[in-house]
PDB file of all heavy atoms in Angstrom:
ATOM      1  N   THR A   1       0.844  -1.179   0.002  1.00  0.00           N
ATOM      2  CA  THR A   1       0.000  -0.001   0.004  1.00  0.00           C
ATOM      3  C   THR A   1       0.893   1.244  -0.002  1.00  0.00           C
ATOM      4  O   THR A   1       2.076   1.182   0.327  1.00  0.00           O
ATOM      5  CB  THR A   1      -0.921   0.033   1.237  1.00  0.00           C
ATOM      6  OG1 THR A   1      -0.104  -0.014   2.421  1.00  0.00           O
ATOM      7  CG2 THR A   1      -1.873  -1.153   1.246  1.00  0.00           C
ATOM      8  N   GLY A   2       0.305   2.384  -0.354  1.00  0.00           N
ATOM      9  CA  GLY A   2       1.028   3.649  -0.302  1.00  0.00           C
ATOM     10  C   GLY A   2       2.270   3.641  -1.161  1.00  0.00           C
ATOM     11  O   GLY A   2       2.288   3.134  -2.289  1.00  0.00           O
ATOM     12  N   TRP A   3       3.341   4.168  -0.608  1.00  0.00           N
ATOM     13  CA  TRP A   3       4.579   4.329  -1.355  1.00  0.00           C
ATOM     14  C   TRP A   3       5.309   3.008  -1.571  1.00  0.00           C
ATOM     15  O   TRP A   3       6.136   2.895  -2.497  1.00  0.00           O
ATOM     16  CB  TRP A   3       5.490   5.324  -0.642  1.00  0.00           C
ATOM     17  CG  TRP A   3       4.969   6.713  -0.740  1.00  0.00           C
ATOM     18  CD1 TRP A   3       4.386   7.458   0.257  1.00  0.00           C
ATOM     19  CD2 TRP A   3       4.932   7.534  -1.921  1.00  0.00           C
ATOM     20  NE1 TRP A   3       3.987   8.676  -0.218  1.00  0.00           N
ATOM     21  CE2 TRP A   3       4.314   8.760  -1.557  1.00  0.00           C
ATOM     22  CE3 TRP A   3       5.333   7.344  -3.231  1.00  0.00           C
ATOM     23  CZ2 TRP A   3       4.108   9.788  -2.464  1.00  0.00           C
ATOM     24  CZ3 TRP A   3       5.127   8.365  -4.143  1.00  0.00           C
ATOM     25  CH2 TRP A   3       4.534   9.565  -3.765  1.00  0.00           C
ATOM     26  N   VAL A   4       5.005   1.996  -0.765  1.00  0.00           N
ATOM     27  CA  VAL A   4       5.582   0.675  -1.017  1.00  0.00           C
ATOM     28  C   VAL A   4       5.048   0.118  -2.329  1.00  0.00           C
ATOM     29  O   VAL A   4       5.791  -0.441  -3.137  1.00  0.00           O
ATOM     30  CB  VAL A   4       5.259  -0.294   0.144  1.00  0.00           C
ATOM     31  CG1 VAL A   4       5.765  -1.701  -0.176  1.00  0.00           C
ATOM     32  CG2 VAL A   4       5.883   0.201   1.440  1.00  0.00           C
ATOM     33  N   ALA A   5       3.756   0.299  -2.559  1.00  0.00           N
ATOM     34  CA  ALA A   5       3.164  -0.156  -3.827  1.00  0.00           C
ATOM     35  C   ALA A   5       3.737   0.617  -5.013  1.00  0.00           C
ATOM     36  O   ALA A   5       3.997   0.053  -6.076  1.00  0.00           O
ATOM     37  CB  ALA A   5       1.647   0.013  -3.781  1.00  0.00           C
ATOM     38  N   VAL A   6       3.950   1.926  -4.822  1.00  0.00           N
ATOM     39  CA  VAL A   6       4.520   2.746  -5.892  1.00  0.00           C
ATOM     40  C   VAL A   6       5.943   2.313  -6.197  1.00  0.00           C
ATOM     41  O   VAL A   6       6.332   2.154  -7.369  1.00  0.00           O
ATOM     42  CB  VAL A   6       4.481   4.236  -5.522  1.00  0.00           C
ATOM     43  CG1 VAL A   6       5.183   5.083  -6.577  1.00  0.00           C
ATOM     44  CG2 VAL A   6       3.044   4.706  -5.363  1.00  0.00           C
ATOM     45  N   ALA A   7       6.756   2.108  -5.150  1.00  0.00           N
ATOM     46  CA  ALA A   7       8.145   1.696  -5.344  1.00  0.00           C
ATOM     47  C   ALA A   7       8.224   0.345  -6.040  1.00  0.00           C
ATOM     48  O   ALA A   7       9.045   0.133  -6.940  1.00  0.00           O
ATOM     49  CB  ALA A   7       8.869   1.649  -4.004  1.00  0.00           C
ATOM     50  N   THR A   8       7.350  -0.583  -5.641  1.00  0.00           N
ATOM     51  CA  THR A   8       7.321  -1.899  -6.279  1.00  0.00           C
ATOM     52  C   THR A   8       6.941  -1.786  -7.740  1.00  0.00           C
ATOM     53  O   THR A   8       7.551  -2.431  -8.610  1.00  0.00           O
ATOM     54  CB  THR A   8       6.320  -2.816  -5.557  1.00  0.00           C
ATOM     55  OG1 THR A   8       6.687  -2.916  -4.172  1.00  0.00           O
ATOM     56  CG2 THR A   8       6.311  -4.205  -6.186  1.00  0.00           C
ATOM     57  N   SER A   9       5.956  -0.951  -8.034  1.00  0.00           N
ATOM     58  CA  SER A   9       5.533  -0.739  -9.431  1.00  0.00           C
ATOM     59  C   SER A   9       6.645  -0.126 -10.261  1.00  0.00           C
ATOM     60  O   SER A   9       6.868  -0.523 -11.413  1.00  0.00           O
ATOM     61  CB  SER A   9       4.291   0.152  -9.468  1.00  0.00           C
ATOM     62  OG  SER A   9       3.891   0.414 -10.792  1.00  0.00           O
ATOM     63  N   VAL A  10       7.367   0.827  -9.689  1.00  0.00           N
ATOM     64  CA  VAL A  10       8.462   1.476 -10.424  1.00  0.00           C
ATOM     65  C   VAL A  10       9.564   0.477 -10.748  1.00  0.00           C
ATOM     66  O   VAL A  10      10.078   0.441 -11.882  1.00  0.00           O
ATOM     67  CB  VAL A  10       9.028   2.659  -9.608  1.00  0.00           C
ATOM     68  CG1 VAL A  10      10.341   3.157 -10.208  1.00  0.00           C
ATOM     69  CG2 VAL A  10       8.022   3.792  -9.563  1.00  0.00           C
ATOM     70  N   VAL A  11       9.932  -0.357  -9.782  1.00  0.00           N
ATOM     71  CA  VAL A  11      11.012  -1.318 -10.011  1.00  0.00           C
ATOM     72  C   VAL A  11      10.587  -2.399 -10.998  1.00  0.00           C
ATOM     73  O   VAL A  11      11.293  -2.693 -11.975  1.00  0.00           O
ATOM     74  CB  VAL A  11      11.463  -1.962  -8.684  1.00  0.00           C
ATOM     75  CG1 VAL A  11      12.466  -3.078  -8.953  1.00  0.00           C
ATOM     76  CG2 VAL A  11      12.090  -0.903  -7.774  1.00  0.00           C
ATOM     77  N   VAL A  12       9.405  -2.992 -10.758  1.00  0.00           N
ATOM     78  CA  VAL A  12       8.981  -4.127 -11.586  1.00  0.00           C
ATOM     79  C   VAL A  12       8.582  -3.694 -12.988  1.00  0.00           C
ATOM     80  O   VAL A  12       9.022  -4.271 -13.991  1.00  0.00           O
ATOM     81  CB  VAL A  12       7.820  -4.878 -10.900  1.00  0.00           C
ATOM     82  CG1 VAL A  12       7.273  -5.960 -11.831  1.00  0.00           C
ATOM     83  CG2 VAL A  12       8.294  -5.497  -9.594  1.00  0.00           C
ATOM     84  N   PHE A  13       7.735  -2.660 -13.060  1.00  0.00           N
ATOM     85  CA  PHE A  13       7.195  -2.270 -14.371  1.00  0.00           C
ATOM     86  C   PHE A  13       8.003  -1.148 -15.026  1.00  0.00           C
ATOM     87  O   PHE A  13       8.342  -1.245 -16.205  1.00  0.00           O
ATOM     88  CB  PHE A  13       5.731  -1.856 -14.226  1.00  0.00           C
ATOM     89  CG  PHE A  13       4.859  -2.975 -13.728  1.00  0.00           C
ATOM     90  CD1 PHE A  13       4.356  -2.952 -12.443  1.00  0.00           C
ATOM     91  CD2 PHE A  13       4.548  -4.054 -14.548  1.00  0.00           C
ATOM     92  CE1 PHE A  13       3.557  -3.982 -11.973  1.00  0.00           C
ATOM     93  CE2 PHE A  13       3.748  -5.083 -14.089  1.00  0.00           C
ATOM     94  CZ  PHE A  13       3.245  -5.047 -12.795  1.00  0.00           C
ATOM     95  N   GLY A  14       8.305  -0.093 -14.256  1.00  0.00           N
ATOM     96  CA  GLY A  14       9.071   1.014 -14.844  1.00  0.00           C
ATOM     97  C   GLY A  14      10.443   0.571 -15.307  1.00  0.00           C
ATOM     98  O   GLY A  14      10.812   0.734 -16.477  1.00  0.00           O
ATOM     99  N   MET A  15      11.206  -0.009 -14.385  1.00  0.00           N
ATOM    100  CA  MET A  15      12.551  -0.462 -14.739  1.00  0.00           C
ATOM    101  C   MET A  15      12.513  -1.674 -15.657  1.00  0.00           C
ATOM    102  O   MET A  15      13.255  -1.746 -16.650  1.00  0.00           O
ATOM    103  CB  MET A  15      13.344  -0.786 -13.462  1.00  0.00           C
ATOM    104  CG  MET A  15      13.712   0.424 -12.634  1.00  0.00           C
ATOM    105  SD  MET A  15      14.481   0.009 -11.035  1.00  0.00           S
ATOM    106  CE  MET A  15      15.878  -0.960 -11.561  1.00  0.00           C
ATOM    107  N   GLY A  16      11.666  -2.649 -15.328  1.00  0.00           N
ATOM    108  CA  GLY A  16      11.618  -3.884 -16.106  1.00  0.00           C
ATOM    109  C   GLY A  16      11.253  -3.663 -17.556  1.00  0.00           C
ATOM    110  O   GLY A  16      11.930  -4.161 -18.468  1.00  0.00           O
ATOM    111  N   LEU A  17      10.195  -2.899 -17.809  1.00  0.00           N
ATOM    112  CA  LEU A  17       9.778  -2.649 -19.194  1.00  0.00           C
ATOM    113  C   LEU A  17      10.789  -1.771 -19.927  1.00  0.00           C
ATOM    114  O   LEU A  17      11.009  -1.942 -21.136  1.00  0.00           O
ATOM    115  CB  LEU A  17       8.393  -1.993 -19.210  1.00  0.00           C
ATOM    116  CG  LEU A  17       7.238  -2.873 -18.728  1.00  0.00           C
ATOM    117  CD1 LEU A  17       5.928  -2.095 -18.732  1.00  0.00           C
ATOM    118  CD2 LEU A  17       7.100  -4.126 -19.608  1.00  0.00           C
ATOM    119  N   SER A  18      11.416  -0.836 -19.228  1.00  0.00           N
ATOM    120  CA  SER A  18      12.437   0.006 -19.858  1.00  0.00           C
ATOM    121  C   SER A  18      13.635  -0.818 -20.294  1.00  0.00           C
ATOM    122  O   SER A  18      14.198  -0.601 -21.373  1.00  0.00           O
ATOM    123  CB  SER A  18      12.880   1.114 -18.900  1.00  0.00           C
ATOM    124  OG  SER A  18      11.814   1.992 -18.596  1.00  0.00           O
ATOM    125  N   ILE A  19      14.044  -1.784 -19.462  1.00  0.00           N
ATOM    126  CA  ILE A  19      15.173  -2.646 -19.810  1.00  0.00           C
ATOM    127  C   ILE A  19      14.864  -3.438 -21.079  1.00  0.00           C
ATOM    128  O   ILE A  19      15.676  -3.511 -22.012  1.00  0.00           O
ATOM    129  CB  ILE A  19      15.503  -3.598 -18.639  1.00  0.00           C
ATOM    130  CG1 ILE A  19      16.137  -2.805 -17.484  1.00  0.00           C
ATOM    131  CG2 ILE A  19      16.437  -4.716 -19.089  1.00  0.00           C
ATOM    132  CD1 ILE A  19      16.248  -3.599 -16.197  1.00  0.00           C
ATOM    133  N   VAL A  20      13.670  -4.036 -21.124  1.00  0.00           N
ATOM    134  CA  VAL A  20      13.289  -4.827 -22.306  1.00  0.00           C
ATOM    135  C   VAL A  20      13.191  -3.942 -23.542  1.00  0.00           C
ATOM    136  O   VAL A  20      13.687  -4.297 -24.621  1.00  0.00           O
ATOM    137  CB  VAL A  20      11.964  -5.563 -22.050  1.00  0.00           C
ATOM    138  CG1 VAL A  20      11.484  -6.264 -23.318  1.00  0.00           C
ATOM    139  CG2 VAL A  20      12.119  -6.571 -20.916  1.00  0.00           C
ATOM    140  N   TYR A  21      12.552  -2.776 -23.391  1.00  0.00           N
ATOM    141  CA  TYR A  21      12.378  -1.884 -24.542  1.00  0.00           C
ATOM    142  C   TYR A  21      13.719  -1.455 -25.128  1.00  0.00           C
ATOM    143  O   TYR A  21      13.947  -1.557 -26.350  1.00  0.00           O
ATOM    144  CB  TYR A  21      11.573  -0.644 -24.126  1.00  0.00           C
ATOM    145  CG  TYR A  21      11.599   0.443 -25.172  1.00  0.00           C
ATOM    146  CD1 TYR A  21      10.783   0.375 -26.292  1.00  0.00           C
ATOM    147  CD2 TYR A  21      12.471   1.523 -25.051  1.00  0.00           C
ATOM    148  CE1 TYR A  21      10.836   1.363 -27.271  1.00  0.00           C
ATOM    149  CE2 TYR A  21      12.524   2.503 -26.025  1.00  0.00           C
ATOM    150  CZ  TYR A  21      11.709   2.417 -27.129  1.00  0.00           C
ATOM    151  OH  TYR A  21      11.776   3.386 -28.103  1.00  0.00           O
ATOM    152  N   LEU A  22      14.626  -0.987 -24.272  1.00  0.00           N
ATOM    153  CA  LEU A  22      15.918  -0.505 -24.773  1.00  0.00           C
ATOM    154  C   LEU A  22      16.754  -1.646 -25.337  1.00  0.00           C
ATOM    155  O   LEU A  22      17.455  -1.470 -26.345  1.00  0.00           O
ATOM    156  CB  LEU A  22      16.676   0.199 -23.645  1.00  0.00           C
ATOM    157  CG  LEU A  22      16.109   1.549 -23.205  1.00  0.00           C
ATOM    158  CD1 LEU A  22      16.786   2.021 -21.917  1.00  0.00           C
ATOM    159  CD2 LEU A  22      16.273   2.592 -24.302  1.00  0.00           C
ATOM    160  N   PHE A  23      16.691  -2.802 -24.716  1.00  0.00           N
ATOM    161  CA  PHE A  23      17.480  -3.933 -25.198  1.00  0.00           C
ATOM    162  C   PHE A  23      17.052  -4.330 -26.617  1.00  0.00           C
ATOM    163  O   PHE A  23      17.889  -4.706 -27.447  1.00  0.00           O
ATOM    164  CB  PHE A  23      17.323  -5.117 -24.252  1.00  0.00           C
ATOM    165  CG  PHE A  23      18.178  -6.297 -24.604  1.00  0.00           C
ATOM    166  CD1 PHE A  23      19.554  -6.227 -24.514  1.00  0.00           C
ATOM    167  CD2 PHE A  23      17.608  -7.478 -25.021  1.00  0.00           C
ATOM    168  CE1 PHE A  23      20.349  -7.312 -24.849  1.00  0.00           C
ATOM    169  CE2 PHE A  23      18.396  -8.580 -25.358  1.00  0.00           C
ATOM    170  CZ  PHE A  23      19.777  -8.482 -25.272  1.00  0.00           C
ATOM    171  N   VAL A  24      15.760  -4.221 -26.904  1.00  0.00           N
ATOM    172  CA  VAL A  24      15.252  -4.621 -28.213  1.00  0.00           C
ATOM    173  C   VAL A  24      15.383  -3.502 -29.250  1.00  0.00           C
ATOM    174  O   VAL A  24      15.799  -3.745 -30.386  1.00  0.00           O
ATOM    175  CB  VAL A  24      13.783  -5.061 -28.110  1.00  0.00           C
ATOM    176  CG1 VAL A  24      13.189  -5.348 -29.496  1.00  0.00           C
ATOM    177  CG2 VAL A  24      13.661  -6.299 -27.230  1.00  0.00           C
ATOM    178  N   PHE A  25      15.075  -2.263 -28.867  1.00  0.00           N
ATOM    179  CA  PHE A  25      14.918  -1.202 -29.847  1.00  0.00           C
ATOM    180  C   PHE A  25      16.078  -0.214 -29.921  1.00  0.00           C
ATOM    181  O   PHE A  25      16.186   0.532 -30.892  1.00  0.00           O
ATOM    182  CB  PHE A  25      13.617  -0.426 -29.587  1.00  0.00           C
ATOM    183  CG  PHE A  25      12.389  -1.266 -29.793  1.00  0.00           C
ATOM    184  CD1 PHE A  25      11.658  -1.724 -28.709  1.00  0.00           C
ATOM    185  CD2 PHE A  25      11.975  -1.611 -31.071  1.00  0.00           C
ATOM    186  CE1 PHE A  25      10.528  -2.508 -28.901  1.00  0.00           C
ATOM    187  CE2 PHE A  25      10.844  -2.379 -31.281  1.00  0.00           C
ATOM    188  CZ  PHE A  25      10.115  -2.835 -30.184  1.00  0.00           C
ATOM    189  N   ASN A  26      16.961  -0.169 -28.912  1.00  0.00           N
ATOM    190  CA  ASN A  26      18.090   0.753 -28.989  1.00  0.00           C
ATOM    191  C   ASN A  26      19.194   0.121 -29.822  1.00  0.00           C
ATOM    192  O   ASN A  26      20.190  -0.402 -29.312  1.00  0.00           O
ATOM    193  CB  ASN A  26      18.601   1.087 -27.581  1.00  0.00           C
ATOM    194  CG  ASN A  26      19.709   2.124 -27.622  1.00  0.00           C
ATOM    195  OD1 ASN A  26      19.925   2.800 -28.642  1.00  0.00           O
ATOM    196  ND2 ASN A  26      20.423   2.263 -26.509  1.00  0.00           N
ATOM    197  N   ARG A  27      19.060   0.180 -31.128  1.00  0.00           N
ATOM    198  CA  ARG A  27      19.971  -0.520 -32.049  1.00  0.00           C
ATOM    199  C   ARG A  27      21.274   0.260 -32.288  1.00  0.00           C
ATOM    200  O   ARG A  27      22.231  -0.310 -32.804  1.00  0.00           O
ATOM    201  CB  ARG A  27      19.248  -0.774 -33.367  1.00  0.00           C
ATOM    202  CG  ARG A  27      17.982  -1.607 -33.206  1.00  0.00           C
ATOM    203  CD  ARG A  27      17.285  -1.825 -34.516  1.00  0.00           C
ATOM    204  NE  ARG A  27      18.126  -2.595 -35.432  1.00  0.00           N
ATOM    205  CZ  ARG A  27      17.812  -2.809 -36.703  1.00  0.00           C
ATOM    206  NH1 ARG A  27      16.699  -2.287 -37.211  1.00  0.00           N
ATOM    207  NH2 ARG A  27      18.626  -3.518 -37.476  1.00  0.00           N
ATOM    208  N   ARG A  28      21.324   1.520 -31.952  1.00  0.00           N
ATOM    209  CA  ARG A  28      22.537   2.301 -32.220  1.00  0.00           C
ATOM    210  C   ARG A  28      23.715   1.829 -31.386  1.00  0.00           C
ATOM    211  O   ARG A  28      24.828   1.703 -31.888  1.00  0.00           O
ATOM    212  CB  ARG A  28      22.279   3.787 -31.952  1.00  0.00           C
ATOM    213  CG  ARG A  28      21.428   4.481 -32.988  1.00  0.00           C
ATOM    214  CD  ARG A  28      21.374   5.962 -32.691  1.00  0.00           C
ATOM    215  NE  ARG A  28      20.582   6.692 -33.677  1.00  0.00           N
ATOM    216  CZ  ARG A  28      20.384   8.015 -33.648  1.00  0.00           C
ATOM    217  NH1 ARG A  28      20.924   8.738 -32.663  1.00  0.00           N
ATOM    218  NH2 ARG A  28      19.648   8.599 -34.568  1.00  0.00           N
ATOM    219  N   ASN A  29      23.466   1.585 -30.106  1.00  0.00           N
ATOM    220  CA  ASN A  29      24.578   1.179 -29.247  1.00  0.00           C
ATOM    221  C   ASN A  29      24.217   0.017 -28.305  1.00  0.00           C
ATOM    222  O   ASN A  29      25.035  -0.385 -27.495  1.00  0.00           O
ATOM    223  CB  ASN A  29      25.087   2.374 -28.417  1.00  0.00           C
ATOM    224  CG  ASN A  29      23.965   3.052 -27.645  1.00  0.00           C
ATOM    225  OD1 ASN A  29      23.013   2.411 -27.198  1.00  0.00           O
ATOM    226  ND2 ASN A  29      24.070   4.368 -27.494  1.00  0.00           N
ATOM    227  N   ARG A  30      22.985  -0.490 -28.438  1.00  0.00           N
ATOM    228  CA  ARG A  30      22.529  -1.641 -27.657  1.00  0.00           C
ATOM    229  C   ARG A  30      22.653  -1.436 -26.158  1.00  0.00           C
ATOM    230  O   ARG A  30      22.785  -2.412 -25.393  1.00  0.00           O
ATOM    231  CB  ARG A  30      23.289  -2.916 -28.068  1.00  0.00           C
ATOM    232  CG  ARG A  30      22.947  -3.405 -29.457  1.00  0.00           C
ATOM    233  CD  ARG A  30      21.491  -3.790 -29.570  1.00  0.00           C
ATOM    234  NE  ARG A  30      21.137  -4.235 -30.918  1.00  0.00           N
ATOM    235  CZ  ARG A  30      19.903  -4.455 -31.329  1.00  0.00           C
ATOM    236  NH1 ARG A  30      18.903  -4.270 -30.494  1.00  0.00           N
ATOM    237  NH2 ARG A  30      19.655  -4.835 -32.557  1.00  0.00           N
ATOM    238  N   ARG A  31      22.600  -0.203 -25.713  1.00  0.00           N
ATOM    239  CA  ARG A  31      22.660   0.057 -24.277  1.00  0.00           C
ATOM    240  C   ARG A  31      21.256   0.005 -23.691  1.00  0.00           C
ATOM    241  O   ARG A  31      20.360   0.712 -24.154  1.00  0.00           O
ATOM    242  CB  ARG A  31      23.290   1.423 -23.978  1.00  0.00           C
ATOM    243  CG  ARG A  31      24.691   1.594 -24.529  1.00  0.00           C
ATOM    244  CD  ARG A  31      25.204   2.991 -24.272  1.00  0.00           C
ATOM    245  NE  ARG A  31      25.668   3.142 -22.900  1.00  0.00           N
ATOM    246  CZ  ARG A  31      25.939   4.328 -22.346  1.00  0.00           C
ATOM    247  NH1 ARG A  31      25.758   5.448 -23.048  1.00  0.00           N
ATOM    248  NH2 ARG A  31      26.395   4.399 -21.114  1.00  0.00           N
ATOM    249  N   SER A  32      21.083  -0.829 -22.697  1.00  0.00           N
ATOM    250  CA  SER A  32      19.801  -0.865 -22.006  1.00  0.00           C
ATOM    251  C   SER A  32      19.883   0.009 -20.755  1.00  0.00           C
ATOM    252  O   SER A  32      20.878   0.702 -20.526  1.00  0.00           O
ATOM    253  CB  SER A  32      19.436  -2.300 -21.645  1.00  0.00           C
ATOM    254  OG  SER A  32      18.073  -2.368 -21.234  1.00  0.00           O
TER     255      SER A  32
END
């Protein structure tokens, strides 16, 4: 609940989806 739920969402979804997106689509330097 509260900020614990927000922090969990940021780590799991914010960071997780960003890692996958950059790994697949950042073709210039493949930096995730």
